[in-house]
Structure formats: C-alpha cells, structure tokens
Amino acid sequence: MYENFYKLSKEKRKQILDGAMMEFSRYGFEKTSVQQIADAAGISKSMVFHYFGNKVQLYNFLVIYTCDYSLEKIDEFIEEIKALDYLEGYYLVAKTKLRLFNEENALMRFSGSILMSKEDVNLFKTAREKLDLLKEARGKYPAMMHGDKMGTKLRKDIPKEVSLKYIKWIMDGFTQELMVKIQMAGMADANFDKDWEDFDKLLEDLKKIFY
C-alpha cells in the first residue's frame, strides 16, 4: 500500500513522518487537516494522498510505525536495566528519555499523544493490537523499576520506597528542565555537552546520598 512512500530517500521519509506526527500530536486526529500535514511535511496535499491514500491510512501507518519503534526500544531497555541497581536504573531511564526526545522528538510526542488520546479514531486491527501491546509494556514499567533487586546498594536506614520517591523526583525534575531547553534551542545548533556533564555529576552525588 505504501510502496510509493518507500521509494523515497530515508531523509525524505523522515521529514514527512516527522511533520505528520508533530501535527497530529499538537491538534489530534480530527482537528488536523491533510493540508496542515502537507505544509508541515514540506510536500503538496496531493502527494499525501499519493503516498498514504487518506488521513485515516496515514494515521494508522504512524501508529504502527511508532509502536514498532517504541516496543523495540523497550525490549532493548529492559535488557539493559536488569543488571542495574535502582539509582542506576532511574539514571538510564532519564538519559534514554532525553536522548530519544532529542533524536526522535516528533515520534516521542506522537507516542505520548496516542497513548493518552481519548479520540475515537478508526484504527485498523494491526494498529490497535500494536497500541495495546505498547500500553501493556508501559504498564509494566513501575513494577520493573520498583521490584526487588537482590543485593541493592541503597542505604538501609531509609525505607526503599522513600529513597526511590526522592530519586524519581530529582531525576524527573532534571529531565524536565533539560527537555524545556531542548525545545527552546535550535536542534541543529544546540550543544548539551555541559548538561550531560552535569547529569553525570548528578548521578555521582545521588550515589553519595542514597548508597
């Protein structure tokens, strides 16, 4: 169905997908017009139809594309986090989130929008099944982060749940602050070397406090 789209270069495909995902994430399915998508993607309205057929088919394509990408990343992440202690796990979560937000900004925003959307969008069977899988995978996240870890390095004089709550607050606060900076800065010109240094320093400081 999408053979014409896949004939495009990888860069052109990403430009189109990013433009469409940003519009849908901003305005939702119903309020996003094909003309808005075309303008954001840098192509004509007729080419949107040429590549995807109609808005419903494009939206379903994006849902499947986003879910496949996200599920793959979650699988990779789960394998990485298994060997890490709580604090190191939260650090990995935050750094992965920031990296993906920087590298795949449109996809991350669209992913959030489809997970929270209350719109009655006509999702195809495959898109619905993949979205359900993504919701299920994300639903396991709290248990994965808070489950028992043998030989944890967390100090014993503070209840584990209290330490994890404090760690989450600190990591979430730093992550949110950096996300705002990423949004405000020009992606192509932004330099976050100092921020990553601060982030690494934060991990070392948290280890002194909670280990």
N, C-alpha and C. Protein backbone atom coordinates (compact mmCIF):
# COMPACT_ATOMS: atom_id res chain seq x y z
N MET A 1 0.82 -1.22 0.00
CA MET A 1 0.00 0.00 0.00
C MET A 1 0.85 1.26 0.00
N TYR A 2 2.03 1.19 0.64
CA TYR A 2 2.85 2.39 0.80
C TYR A 2 4.13 2.33 -0.04
N GLU A 3 4.09 1.57 -1.14
CA GLU A 3 5.30 1.37 -1.93
C GLU A 3 5.86 2.68 -2.48
N ASN A 4 4.98 3.62 -2.84
CA ASN A 4 5.47 4.91 -3.35
C ASN A 4 6.22 5.69 -2.28
N PHE A 5 5.75 5.58 -1.07
CA PHE A 5 6.41 6.26 0.03
C PHE A 5 7.80 5.67 0.28
N TYR A 6 7.91 4.35 0.21
CA TYR A 6 9.18 3.70 0.49
C TYR A 6 10.19 3.85 -0.64
N LYS A 7 9.77 4.38 -1.75
CA LYS A 7 10.70 4.68 -2.83
C LYS A 7 11.50 5.96 -2.54
N LEU A 8 11.03 6.75 -1.60
CA LEU A 8 11.71 8.00 -1.24
C LEU A 8 12.98 7.70 -0.45
N SER A 9 13.86 8.67 -0.37
CA SER A 9 15.08 8.52 0.43
C SER A 9 14.70 8.46 1.91
N LYS A 10 15.59 7.90 2.71
CA LYS A 10 15.35 7.80 4.16
C LYS A 10 15.13 9.18 4.76
N GLU A 11 15.91 10.16 4.31
CA GLU A 11 15.80 11.52 4.84
C GLU A 11 14.45 12.14 4.50
N LYS A 12 13.99 11.92 3.27
CA LYS A 12 12.70 12.47 2.86
C LYS A 12 11.56 11.80 3.61
N ARG A 13 11.65 10.50 3.82
CA ARG A 13 10.62 9.78 4.57
C ARG A 13 10.53 10.32 5.99
N LYS A 14 11.68 10.54 6.61
CA LYS A 14 11.68 11.05 7.99
C LYS A 14 11.08 12.45 8.04
N GLN A 15 11.40 13.27 7.06
CA GLN A 15 10.84 14.63 7.00
C GLN A 15 9.31 14.59 6.96
N ILE A 16 8.77 13.71 6.15
CA ILE A 16 7.32 13.59 6.02
C ILE A 16 6.69 13.03 7.29
N LEU A 17 7.27 11.97 7.82
CA LEU A 17 6.73 11.35 9.03
C LEU A 17 6.79 12.31 10.21
N ASP A 18 7.92 12.99 10.38
CA ASP A 18 8.07 13.94 11.49
C ASP A 18 7.03 15.06 11.39
N GLY A 19 6.84 15.59 10.19
CA GLY A 19 5.87 16.66 10.01
C GLY A 19 4.47 16.20 10.36
N ALA A 20 4.08 15.01 9.90
CA ALA A 20 2.75 14.48 10.18
C ALA A 20 2.57 14.18 11.67
N MET A 21 3.58 13.58 12.28
CA MET A 21 3.47 13.25 13.71
C MET A 21 3.36 14.50 14.57
N MET A 22 4.09 15.54 14.23
CA MET A 22 4.01 16.78 15.01
C MET A 22 2.62 17.39 14.92
N GLU A 23 2.02 17.39 13.75
CA GLU A 23 0.69 17.97 13.60
C GLU A 23 -0.36 17.16 14.36
N PHE A 24 -0.32 15.86 14.23
CA PHE A 24 -1.28 15.01 14.95
C PHE A 24 -1.09 15.13 16.46
N SER A 25 0.15 15.24 16.92
CA SER A 25 0.39 15.34 18.36
C SER A 25 -0.07 16.69 18.91
N ARG A 26 -0.01 17.72 18.09
CA ARG A 26 -0.46 19.05 18.52
C ARG A 26 -1.98 19.17 18.55
N TYR A 27 -2.64 18.71 17.50
CA TYR A 27 -4.06 19.01 17.30
C TYR A 27 -4.98 17.80 17.36
N GLY A 28 -4.44 16.60 17.46
CA GLY A 28 -5.28 15.42 17.46
C GLY A 28 -5.70 15.04 16.05
N PHE A 29 -6.34 13.88 15.94
CA PHE A 29 -6.69 13.37 14.62
C PHE A 29 -7.75 14.24 13.93
N GLU A 30 -8.84 14.52 14.61
CA GLU A 30 -9.96 15.21 13.99
C GLU A 30 -9.61 16.63 13.54
N LYS A 31 -8.84 17.35 14.35
CA LYS A 31 -8.57 18.75 14.07
C LYS A 31 -7.35 18.97 13.17
N THR A 32 -6.69 17.90 12.78
CA THR A 32 -5.54 18.01 11.88
C THR A 32 -6.01 17.78 10.45
N SER A 33 -5.77 18.74 9.59
CA SER A 33 -6.17 18.61 8.19
C SER A 33 -5.03 18.06 7.35
N VAL A 34 -5.37 17.50 6.21
CA VAL A 34 -4.35 17.00 5.29
C VAL A 34 -3.47 18.14 4.81
N GLN A 35 -4.04 19.33 4.66
CA GLN A 35 -3.25 20.47 4.23
C GLN A 35 -2.22 20.85 5.29
N GLN A 36 -2.60 20.80 6.57
CA GLN A 36 -1.64 21.05 7.65
C GLN A 36 -0.49 20.06 7.59
N ILE A 37 -0.83 18.80 7.39
CA ILE A 37 0.18 17.75 7.32
C ILE A 37 1.12 18.01 6.15
N ALA A 38 0.55 18.34 5.00
CA ALA A 38 1.36 18.60 3.81
C ALA A 38 2.32 19.77 4.05
N ASP A 39 1.80 20.84 4.64
CA ASP A 39 2.65 22.01 4.91
C ASP A 39 3.78 21.65 5.87
N ALA A 40 3.45 20.91 6.94
CA ALA A 40 4.46 20.55 7.93
C ALA A 40 5.49 19.59 7.35
N ALA A 41 5.04 18.73 6.43
CA ALA A 41 5.93 17.73 5.85
C ALA A 41 6.73 18.26 4.66
N GLY A 42 6.37 19.46 4.17
CA GLY A 42 7.08 20.04 3.04
C GLY A 42 6.75 19.39 1.72
N ILE A 43 5.52 18.89 1.59
CA ILE A 43 5.07 18.30 0.33
C ILE A 43 3.69 18.86 -0.01
N SER A 44 3.19 18.56 -1.19
CA SER A 44 1.86 19.03 -1.57
C SER A 44 0.79 18.12 -0.98
N LYS A 45 -0.42 18.65 -0.90
CA LYS A 45 -1.54 17.87 -0.38
C LYS A 45 -1.78 16.62 -1.23
N SER A 46 -1.65 16.77 -2.53
CA SER A 46 -1.87 15.63 -3.43
C SER A 46 -0.87 14.51 -3.19
N MET A 47 0.36 14.88 -2.77
CA MET A 47 1.37 13.86 -2.52
C MET A 47 1.08 13.09 -1.23
N VAL A 48 0.42 13.73 -0.27
CA VAL A 48 -0.01 12.99 0.93
C VAL A 48 -0.93 11.86 0.52
N PHE A 49 -1.90 12.17 -0.34
CA PHE A 49 -2.82 11.14 -0.83
C PHE A 49 -2.08 10.10 -1.67
N HIS A 50 -1.12 10.56 -2.44
CA HIS A 50 -0.35 9.66 -3.31
C HIS A 50 0.41 8.63 -2.47
N TYR A 51 1.00 9.07 -1.36
CA TYR A 51 1.81 8.18 -0.54
C TYR A 51 0.98 7.33 0.42
N PHE A 52 -0.11 7.89 0.95
CA PHE A 52 -0.82 7.22 2.04
C PHE A 52 -2.30 6.93 1.77
N GLY A 53 -2.87 7.44 0.73
CA GLY A 53 -4.27 7.17 0.42
C GLY A 53 -5.21 8.19 1.03
N ASN A 54 -5.26 8.27 2.35
CA ASN A 54 -6.11 9.25 3.03
C ASN A 54 -5.58 9.46 4.45
N LYS A 55 -6.23 10.34 5.19
CA LYS A 55 -5.74 10.70 6.52
C LYS A 55 -5.82 9.52 7.49
N VAL A 56 -6.86 8.71 7.40
CA VAL A 56 -7.00 7.56 8.28
C VAL A 56 -5.86 6.56 8.06
N GLN A 57 -5.56 6.31 6.80
CA GLN A 57 -4.47 5.37 6.50
C GLN A 57 -3.12 5.92 6.95
N LEU A 58 -2.92 7.21 6.80
CA LEU A 58 -1.68 7.83 7.27
C LEU A 58 -1.57 7.70 8.78
N TYR A 59 -2.65 7.99 9.49
CA TYR A 59 -2.62 7.92 10.95
C TYR A 59 -2.32 6.50 11.42
N ASN A 60 -2.94 5.51 10.78
CA ASN A 60 -2.68 4.12 11.13
C ASN A 60 -1.24 3.73 10.84
N PHE A 61 -0.71 4.21 9.73
CA PHE A 61 0.69 3.96 9.40
C PHE A 61 1.59 4.50 10.51
N LEU A 62 1.30 5.71 10.96
CA LEU A 62 2.11 6.34 12.00
C LEU A 62 2.00 5.60 13.33
N VAL A 63 0.81 5.13 13.67
CA VAL A 63 0.62 4.38 14.91
C VAL A 63 1.46 3.10 14.88
N ILE A 64 1.38 2.37 13.79
CA ILE A 64 2.14 1.12 13.65
C ILE A 64 3.64 1.40 13.68
N TYR A 65 4.06 2.41 12.94
CA TYR A 65 5.47 2.79 12.87
C TYR A 65 5.99 3.16 14.26
N THR A 66 5.24 3.96 14.98
CA THR A 66 5.64 4.42 16.31
C THR A 66 5.66 3.28 17.32
N CYS A 67 4.65 2.43 17.28
CA CYS A 67 4.59 1.31 18.22
C CYS A 67 5.73 0.33 17.97
N ASP A 68 6.02 0.03 16.72
CA ASP A 68 7.12 -0.88 16.40
C ASP A 68 8.44 -0.32 16.92
N TYR A 69 8.67 0.96 16.69
CA TYR A 69 9.90 1.61 17.15
C TYR A 69 9.98 1.57 18.69
N SER A 70 8.89 1.95 19.34
CA SER A 70 8.87 2.04 20.80
C SER A 70 9.03 0.68 21.46
N LEU A 71 8.36 -0.33 20.93
CA LEU A 71 8.45 -1.67 21.50
C LEU A 71 9.87 -2.23 21.37
N GLU A 72 10.51 -1.94 20.26
CA GLU A 72 11.90 -2.37 20.08
C GLU A 72 12.81 -1.70 21.10
N LYS A 73 12.61 -0.40 21.32
CA LYS A 73 13.42 0.32 22.29
C LYS A 73 13.16 -0.17 23.71
N ILE A 74 11.90 -0.51 24.01
CA ILE A 74 11.57 -1.01 25.35
C ILE A 74 12.26 -2.34 25.60
N ASP A 75 12.26 -3.22 24.59
CA ASP A 75 12.93 -4.51 24.74
C ASP A 75 14.42 -4.32 25.01
N GLU A 76 15.03 -3.40 24.27
CA GLU A 76 16.46 -3.13 24.47
C GLU A 76 16.69 -2.57 25.88
N PHE A 77 15.81 -1.69 26.30
CA PHE A 77 15.94 -1.03 27.59
C PHE A 77 15.81 -2.04 28.74
N ILE A 78 14.85 -2.95 28.63
CA ILE A 78 14.63 -3.95 29.67
C ILE A 78 15.87 -4.81 29.86
N GLU A 79 16.51 -5.19 28.78
CA GLU A 79 17.72 -6.00 28.87
C GLU A 79 18.83 -5.23 29.57
N GLU A 80 18.92 -3.93 29.29
CA GLU A 80 19.97 -3.11 29.91
C GLU A 80 19.74 -2.92 31.40
N ILE A 81 18.47 -2.74 31.77
CA ILE A 81 18.17 -2.34 33.15
C ILE A 81 18.22 -3.50 34.13
N LYS A 82 18.13 -4.72 33.63
CA LYS A 82 18.09 -5.89 34.50
C LYS A 82 19.29 -5.96 35.44
N ALA A 83 20.45 -5.58 34.93
CA ALA A 83 21.68 -5.71 35.71
C ALA A 83 21.98 -4.48 36.56
N LEU A 84 21.12 -3.47 36.52
CA LEU A 84 21.40 -2.22 37.21
C LEU A 84 20.65 -2.12 38.53
N ASP A 85 21.25 -1.41 39.48
CA ASP A 85 20.57 -1.13 40.74
C ASP A 85 19.56 -0.01 40.52
N TYR A 86 18.75 0.30 41.53
CA TYR A 86 17.66 1.26 41.39
C TYR A 86 18.11 2.62 40.86
N LEU A 87 19.08 3.20 41.50
CA LEU A 87 19.54 4.54 41.12
C LEU A 87 20.11 4.53 39.70
N GLU A 88 20.90 3.53 39.39
CA GLU A 88 21.45 3.43 38.04
C GLU A 88 20.35 3.20 37.01
N GLY A 89 19.29 2.47 37.41
CA GLY A 89 18.16 2.25 36.53
C GLY A 89 17.41 3.53 36.22
N TYR A 90 17.15 4.34 37.24
CA TYR A 90 16.48 5.62 37.03
C TYR A 90 17.33 6.55 36.17
N TYR A 91 18.62 6.48 36.38
CA TYR A 91 19.53 7.29 35.57
C TYR A 91 19.44 6.88 34.10
N LEU A 92 19.41 5.57 33.86
CA LEU A 92 19.30 5.07 32.49
C LEU A 92 17.97 5.49 31.87
N VAL A 93 16.90 5.40 32.64
CA VAL A 93 15.58 5.83 32.15
C VAL A 93 15.61 7.28 31.72
N ALA A 94 16.13 8.13 32.59
CA ALA A 94 16.15 9.57 32.30
C ALA A 94 17.03 9.88 31.10
N LYS A 95 18.21 9.28 31.04
CA LYS A 95 19.13 9.58 29.94
C LYS A 95 18.59 9.04 28.62
N THR A 96 17.96 7.87 28.65
CA THR A 96 17.35 7.32 27.43
C THR A 96 16.22 8.20 26.94
N LYS A 97 15.40 8.65 27.87
CA LYS A 97 14.27 9.52 27.52
C LYS A 97 14.76 10.82 26.88
N LEU A 98 15.80 11.41 27.46
CA LEU A 98 16.35 12.66 26.92
C LEU A 98 16.98 12.44 25.54
N ARG A 99 17.69 11.34 25.39
CA ARG A 99 18.33 11.06 24.11
C ARG A 99 17.28 10.86 23.01
N LEU A 100 16.24 10.11 23.31
CA LEU A 100 15.19 9.87 22.32
C LEU A 100 14.39 11.14 22.04
N PHE A 101 14.18 11.95 23.08
CA PHE A 101 13.46 13.21 22.90
C PHE A 101 14.23 14.13 21.97
N ASN A 102 15.55 14.05 22.05
CA ASN A 102 16.40 14.87 21.19
C ASN A 102 16.48 14.30 19.77
N GLU A 103 16.66 12.98 19.66
CA GLU A 103 16.87 12.36 18.36
C GLU A 103 15.56 12.13 17.60
N GLU A 104 14.49 11.79 18.33
CA GLU A 104 13.20 11.46 17.70
C GLU A 104 12.09 12.27 18.36
N ASN A 105 12.23 13.59 18.30
CA ASN A 105 11.31 14.47 19.00
C ASN A 105 9.87 14.27 18.55
N ALA A 106 9.63 14.25 17.27
CA ALA A 106 8.27 14.12 16.75
C ALA A 106 7.67 12.77 17.14
N LEU A 107 8.45 11.72 17.03
CA LEU A 107 7.95 10.39 17.36
C LEU A 107 7.62 10.29 18.85
N MET A 108 8.45 10.85 19.69
CA MET A 108 8.18 10.81 21.13
C MET A 108 6.90 11.55 21.47
N ARG A 109 6.69 12.69 20.83
CA ARG A 109 5.47 13.47 21.07
C ARG A 109 4.23 12.71 20.57
N PHE A 110 4.36 12.13 19.39
CA PHE A 110 3.23 11.39 18.83
C PHE A 110 2.92 10.15 19.68
N SER A 111 3.96 9.49 20.15
CA SER A 111 3.78 8.33 21.02
C SER A 111 2.97 8.72 22.26
N GLY A 112 3.33 9.84 22.88
CA GLY A 112 2.59 10.30 24.04
C GLY A 112 1.14 10.63 23.72
N SER A 113 0.93 11.21 22.55
CA SER A 113 -0.43 11.62 22.18
C SER A 113 -1.33 10.41 21.92
N ILE A 114 -0.82 9.36 21.29
CA ILE A 114 -1.68 8.20 21.01
C ILE A 114 -1.94 7.38 22.27
N LEU A 115 -1.01 7.43 23.22
CA LEU A 115 -1.21 6.71 24.47
C LEU A 115 -2.25 7.39 25.36
N MET A 116 -2.35 8.71 25.25
CA MET A 116 -3.28 9.46 26.09
C MET A 116 -4.58 9.86 25.38
N SER A 117 -4.64 9.65 24.07
CA SER A 117 -5.77 10.13 23.28
C SER A 117 -7.09 9.47 23.69
N LYS A 118 -8.13 10.30 23.75
CA LYS A 118 -9.49 9.81 24.02
C LYS A 118 -10.34 9.84 22.75
N GLU A 119 -9.73 10.23 21.62
CA GLU A 119 -10.46 10.31 20.37
C GLU A 119 -10.84 8.92 19.87
N ASP A 120 -11.99 8.84 19.24
CA ASP A 120 -12.46 7.57 18.66
C ASP A 120 -11.95 7.49 17.22
N VAL A 121 -10.68 7.18 17.08
CA VAL A 121 -10.06 7.10 15.76
C VAL A 121 -10.26 5.68 15.19
N ASN A 122 -10.53 5.61 13.91
CA ASN A 122 -10.74 4.32 13.25
C ASN A 122 -9.40 3.63 13.04
N LEU A 123 -8.94 2.93 14.09
CA LEU A 123 -7.67 2.22 13.99
C LEU A 123 -7.89 0.85 13.36
N PHE A 124 -7.00 0.48 12.45
CA PHE A 124 -7.04 -0.84 11.86
C PHE A 124 -6.67 -1.88 12.92
N LYS A 125 -6.99 -3.14 12.67
CA LYS A 125 -6.75 -4.21 13.63
C LYS A 125 -5.27 -4.27 14.04
N THR A 126 -4.38 -4.19 13.07
CA THR A 126 -2.94 -4.26 13.38
C THR A 126 -2.50 -3.09 14.24
N ALA A 127 -2.97 -1.88 13.91
CA ALA A 127 -2.60 -0.70 14.68
C ALA A 127 -3.13 -0.80 16.10
N ARG A 128 -4.36 -1.25 16.27
CA ARG A 128 -4.96 -1.38 17.60
C ARG A 128 -4.19 -2.41 18.43
N GLU A 129 -3.85 -3.54 17.83
CA GLU A 129 -3.12 -4.58 18.56
C GLU A 129 -1.75 -4.09 19.00
N LYS A 130 -1.05 -3.36 18.12
CA LYS A 130 0.28 -2.87 18.47
C LYS A 130 0.20 -1.78 19.55
N LEU A 131 -0.84 -0.95 19.48
CA LEU A 131 -1.01 0.08 20.50
C LEU A 131 -1.31 -0.56 21.85
N ASP A 132 -2.11 -1.60 21.86
CA ASP A 132 -2.40 -2.32 23.11
C ASP A 132 -1.14 -2.94 23.68
N LEU A 133 -0.28 -3.47 22.80
CA LEU A 133 0.99 -4.05 23.25
C LEU A 133 1.87 -2.98 23.88
N LEU A 134 1.89 -1.79 23.29
CA LEU A 134 2.71 -0.71 23.82
C LEU A 134 2.18 -0.26 25.18
N LYS A 135 0.86 -0.15 25.31
CA LYS A 135 0.26 0.23 26.59
C LYS A 135 0.59 -0.81 27.67
N GLU A 136 0.52 -2.08 27.29
CA GLU A 136 0.83 -3.16 28.22
C GLU A 136 2.29 -3.10 28.66
N ALA A 137 3.17 -2.85 27.71
CA ALA A 137 4.60 -2.78 28.03
C ALA A 137 4.89 -1.61 28.97
N ARG A 138 4.27 -0.48 28.69
CA ARG A 138 4.48 0.70 29.55
C ARG A 138 3.85 0.49 30.92
N GLY A 139 2.77 -0.28 30.98
CA GLY A 139 2.11 -0.54 32.25
C GLY A 139 2.96 -1.37 33.21
N LYS A 140 3.91 -2.12 32.66
CA LYS A 140 4.78 -2.95 33.48
C LYS A 140 5.97 -2.16 34.03
N TYR A 141 6.11 -0.93 33.57
CA TYR A 141 7.28 -0.11 33.93
C TYR A 141 7.43 0.10 35.44
N PRO A 142 6.34 0.51 36.17
CA PRO A 142 6.51 0.74 37.62
C PRO A 142 6.99 -0.51 38.36
N ALA A 143 6.40 -1.67 38.02
CA ALA A 143 6.80 -2.90 38.71
C ALA A 143 8.26 -3.24 38.39
N MET A 144 8.65 -2.98 37.15
CA MET A 144 10.03 -3.26 36.75
C MET A 144 11.00 -2.37 37.52
N MET A 145 10.64 -1.11 37.72
CA MET A 145 11.54 -0.18 38.39
C MET A 145 11.55 -0.38 39.90
N HIS A 146 10.42 -0.82 40.47
CA HIS A 146 10.32 -0.91 41.93
C HIS A 146 10.40 -2.33 42.46
N GLY A 147 10.52 -3.30 41.56
CA GLY A 147 10.61 -4.69 42.01
C GLY A 147 11.87 -4.94 42.83
N ASP A 148 11.88 -6.05 43.55
CA ASP A 148 13.02 -6.36 44.40
C ASP A 148 14.28 -6.62 43.59
N LYS A 149 15.37 -6.08 44.07
CA LYS A 149 16.68 -6.33 43.47
C LYS A 149 17.58 -6.90 44.56
N MET A 150 18.06 -8.08 44.31
CA MET A 150 18.92 -8.72 45.30
C MET A 150 20.22 -7.93 45.45
N GLY A 151 20.63 -7.73 46.69
CA GLY A 151 21.88 -7.04 46.94
C GLY A 151 21.88 -5.58 46.53
N THR A 152 20.72 -4.91 46.65
CA THR A 152 20.66 -3.50 46.28
C THR A 152 21.66 -2.67 47.09
N LYS A 153 22.18 -1.63 46.45
CA LYS A 153 23.16 -0.77 47.10
C LYS A 153 22.51 0.34 47.93
N LEU A 154 21.19 0.47 47.87
CA LEU A 154 20.52 1.54 48.61
C LEU A 154 20.80 1.42 50.11
N ARG A 155 21.01 2.55 50.76
CA ARG A 155 21.27 2.55 52.19
C ARG A 155 20.07 1.98 52.94
N LYS A 156 20.31 1.34 54.06
CA LYS A 156 19.27 0.61 54.77
C LYS A 156 18.52 1.47 55.79
N ASP A 157 19.06 2.65 56.14
CA ASP A 157 18.42 3.45 57.17
C ASP A 157 17.29 4.33 56.64
N ILE A 158 17.05 4.28 55.31
CA ILE A 158 15.91 4.97 54.70
C ILE A 158 15.07 3.91 53.99
N PRO A 159 13.75 3.88 54.24
CA PRO A 159 12.92 2.88 53.56
C PRO A 159 13.10 2.96 52.04
N LYS A 160 13.16 1.79 51.41
CA LYS A 160 13.42 1.74 49.97
C LYS A 160 12.45 2.62 49.19
N GLU A 161 11.15 2.54 49.52
CA GLU A 161 10.15 3.30 48.76
C GLU A 161 10.35 4.80 48.90
N VAL A 162 10.89 5.23 50.04
CA VAL A 162 11.15 6.66 50.25
C VAL A 162 12.35 7.09 49.39
N SER A 163 13.40 6.30 49.41
CA SER A 163 14.57 6.61 48.58
C SER A 163 14.19 6.68 47.10
N LEU A 164 13.41 5.73 46.64
CA LEU A 164 13.01 5.70 45.23
C LEU A 164 12.14 6.90 44.86
N LYS A 165 11.31 7.32 45.80
CA LYS A 165 10.47 8.50 45.55
C LYS A 165 11.33 9.75 45.40
N TYR A 166 12.31 9.90 46.27
CA TYR A 166 13.20 11.07 46.19
C TYR A 166 14.02 11.04 44.89
N ILE A 167 14.55 9.86 44.57
CA ILE A 167 15.35 9.72 43.34
C ILE A 167 14.52 10.08 42.12
N LYS A 168 13.29 9.59 42.08
CA LYS A 168 12.40 9.87 40.95
C LYS A 168 12.13 11.37 40.84
N TRP A 169 11.85 12.02 41.95
CA TRP A 169 11.58 13.47 41.92
C TRP A 169 12.78 14.23 41.35
N ILE A 170 13.97 13.89 41.82
CA ILE A 170 15.18 14.59 41.37
C ILE A 170 15.44 14.33 39.90
N MET A 171 15.38 13.07 39.48
CA MET A 171 15.62 12.72 38.09
C MET A 171 14.59 13.35 37.16
N ASP A 172 13.31 13.27 37.57
CA ASP A 172 12.25 13.85 36.75
C ASP A 172 12.41 15.36 36.61
N GLY A 173 12.80 16.01 37.70
CA GLY A 173 12.99 17.46 37.66
C GLY A 173 14.12 17.86 36.72
N PHE A 174 15.24 17.17 36.81
CA PHE A 174 16.38 17.47 35.93
C PHE A 174 16.01 17.18 34.47
N THR A 175 15.33 16.05 34.25
CA THR A 175 14.95 15.67 32.89
C THR A 175 14.02 16.70 32.28
N GLN A 176 13.02 17.13 33.06
CA GLN A 176 12.06 18.11 32.55
C GLN A 176 12.73 19.43 32.22
N GLU A 177 13.66 19.84 33.06
CA GLU A 177 14.39 21.09 32.82
C GLU A 177 15.18 21.02 31.51
N LEU A 178 15.82 19.88 31.27
CA LEU A 178 16.61 19.73 30.06
C LEU A 178 15.72 19.60 28.83
N MET A 179 14.54 18.99 28.99
CA MET A 179 13.61 18.89 27.87
C MET A 179 13.14 20.28 27.42
N VAL A 180 12.90 21.14 28.38
CA VAL A 180 12.50 22.51 28.05
C VAL A 180 13.61 23.20 27.27
N LYS A 181 14.85 22.99 27.69
CA LYS A 181 15.98 23.59 26.99
C LYS A 181 16.08 23.05 25.57
N ILE A 182 15.86 21.74 25.39
CA ILE A 182 15.90 21.12 24.07
C ILE A 182 14.83 21.73 23.18
N GLN A 183 13.63 21.95 23.75
CA GLN A 183 12.53 22.52 22.98
C GLN A 183 12.84 23.94 22.53
N MET A 184 13.48 24.71 23.40
CA MET A 184 13.71 26.12 23.12
C MET A 184 14.92 26.33 22.22
N ALA A 185 15.88 25.43 22.29
CA ALA A 185 17.10 25.59 21.50
C ALA A 185 16.88 25.06 20.09
N GLY A 186 17.63 25.59 19.15
CA GLY A 186 17.60 25.04 17.81
C GLY A 186 18.27 23.68 17.82
N MET A 187 17.57 22.65 17.40
CA MET A 187 18.07 21.29 17.49
C MET A 187 19.42 21.13 16.79
N ALA A 188 19.56 21.74 15.64
CA ALA A 188 20.78 21.54 14.86
C ALA A 188 21.98 22.19 15.52
N ASP A 189 21.76 23.29 16.25
CA ASP A 189 22.87 24.07 16.78
C ASP A 189 23.08 23.87 18.28
N ALA A 190 22.14 23.21 18.93
CA ALA A 190 22.22 23.09 20.38
C ALA A 190 23.41 22.22 20.79
N ASN A 191 24.07 22.61 21.86
CA ASN A 191 25.18 21.84 22.40
C ASN A 191 24.88 21.53 23.87
N PHE A 192 24.75 20.25 24.17
CA PHE A 192 24.36 19.86 25.52
C PHE A 192 25.48 19.15 26.26
N ASP A 193 26.73 19.36 25.82
CA ASP A 193 27.86 18.70 26.47
C ASP A 193 27.92 19.03 27.96
N LYS A 194 27.73 20.29 28.30
CA LYS A 194 27.78 20.71 29.71
C LYS A 194 26.63 20.08 30.49
N ASP A 195 25.46 19.97 29.87
CA ASP A 195 24.31 19.38 30.55
C ASP A 195 24.56 17.89 30.83
N TRP A 196 25.17 17.19 29.87
CA TRP A 196 25.46 15.78 30.11
C TRP A 196 26.50 15.63 31.21
N GLU A 197 27.46 16.56 31.27
CA GLU A 197 28.44 16.53 32.36
C GLU A 197 27.74 16.72 33.71
N ASP A 198 26.80 17.67 33.74
CA ASP A 198 26.03 17.92 34.97
C ASP A 198 25.20 16.70 35.34
N PHE A 199 24.66 16.04 34.33
CA PHE A 199 23.84 14.86 34.56
C PHE A 199 24.68 13.74 35.17
N ASP A 200 25.88 13.55 34.65
CA ASP A 200 26.77 12.53 35.20
C ASP A 200 27.17 12.88 36.64
N LYS A 201 27.40 14.17 36.87
CA LYS A 201 27.74 14.62 38.23
C LYS A 201 26.57 14.38 39.18
N LEU A 202 25.35 14.59 38.68
CA LEU A 202 24.15 14.35 39.48
C LEU A 202 24.10 12.89 39.94
N LEU A 203 24.40 11.98 39.05
CA LEU A 203 24.39 10.56 39.42
C LEU A 203 25.38 10.29 40.54
N GLU A 204 26.58 10.84 40.42
CA GLU A 204 27.59 10.62 41.45
C GLU A 204 27.15 11.20 42.80
N ASP A 205 26.50 12.38 42.77
CA ASP A 205 26.02 12.99 44.01
C ASP A 205 24.90 12.16 44.63
N LEU A 206 24.01 11.64 43.79
CA LEU A 206 22.92 10.82 44.31
C LEU A 206 23.43 9.52 44.92
N LYS A 207 24.49 8.99 44.34
CA LYS A 207 25.09 7.77 44.91
C LYS A 207 25.61 8.06 46.32
N LYS A 208 26.22 9.25 46.51
CA LYS A 208 26.74 9.60 47.85
C LYS A 208 25.60 9.73 48.86
N ILE A 209 24.44 10.18 48.38
CA ILE A 209 23.30 10.40 49.28
C ILE A 209 22.56 9.10 49.60
N PHE A 210 22.32 8.29 48.57
CA PHE A 210 21.40 7.14 48.74
C PHE A 210 22.11 5.79 48.82
N TYR A 211 23.43 5.75 48.55
CA TYR A 211 24.15 4.47 48.67
C TYR A 211 24.98 4.46 49.95
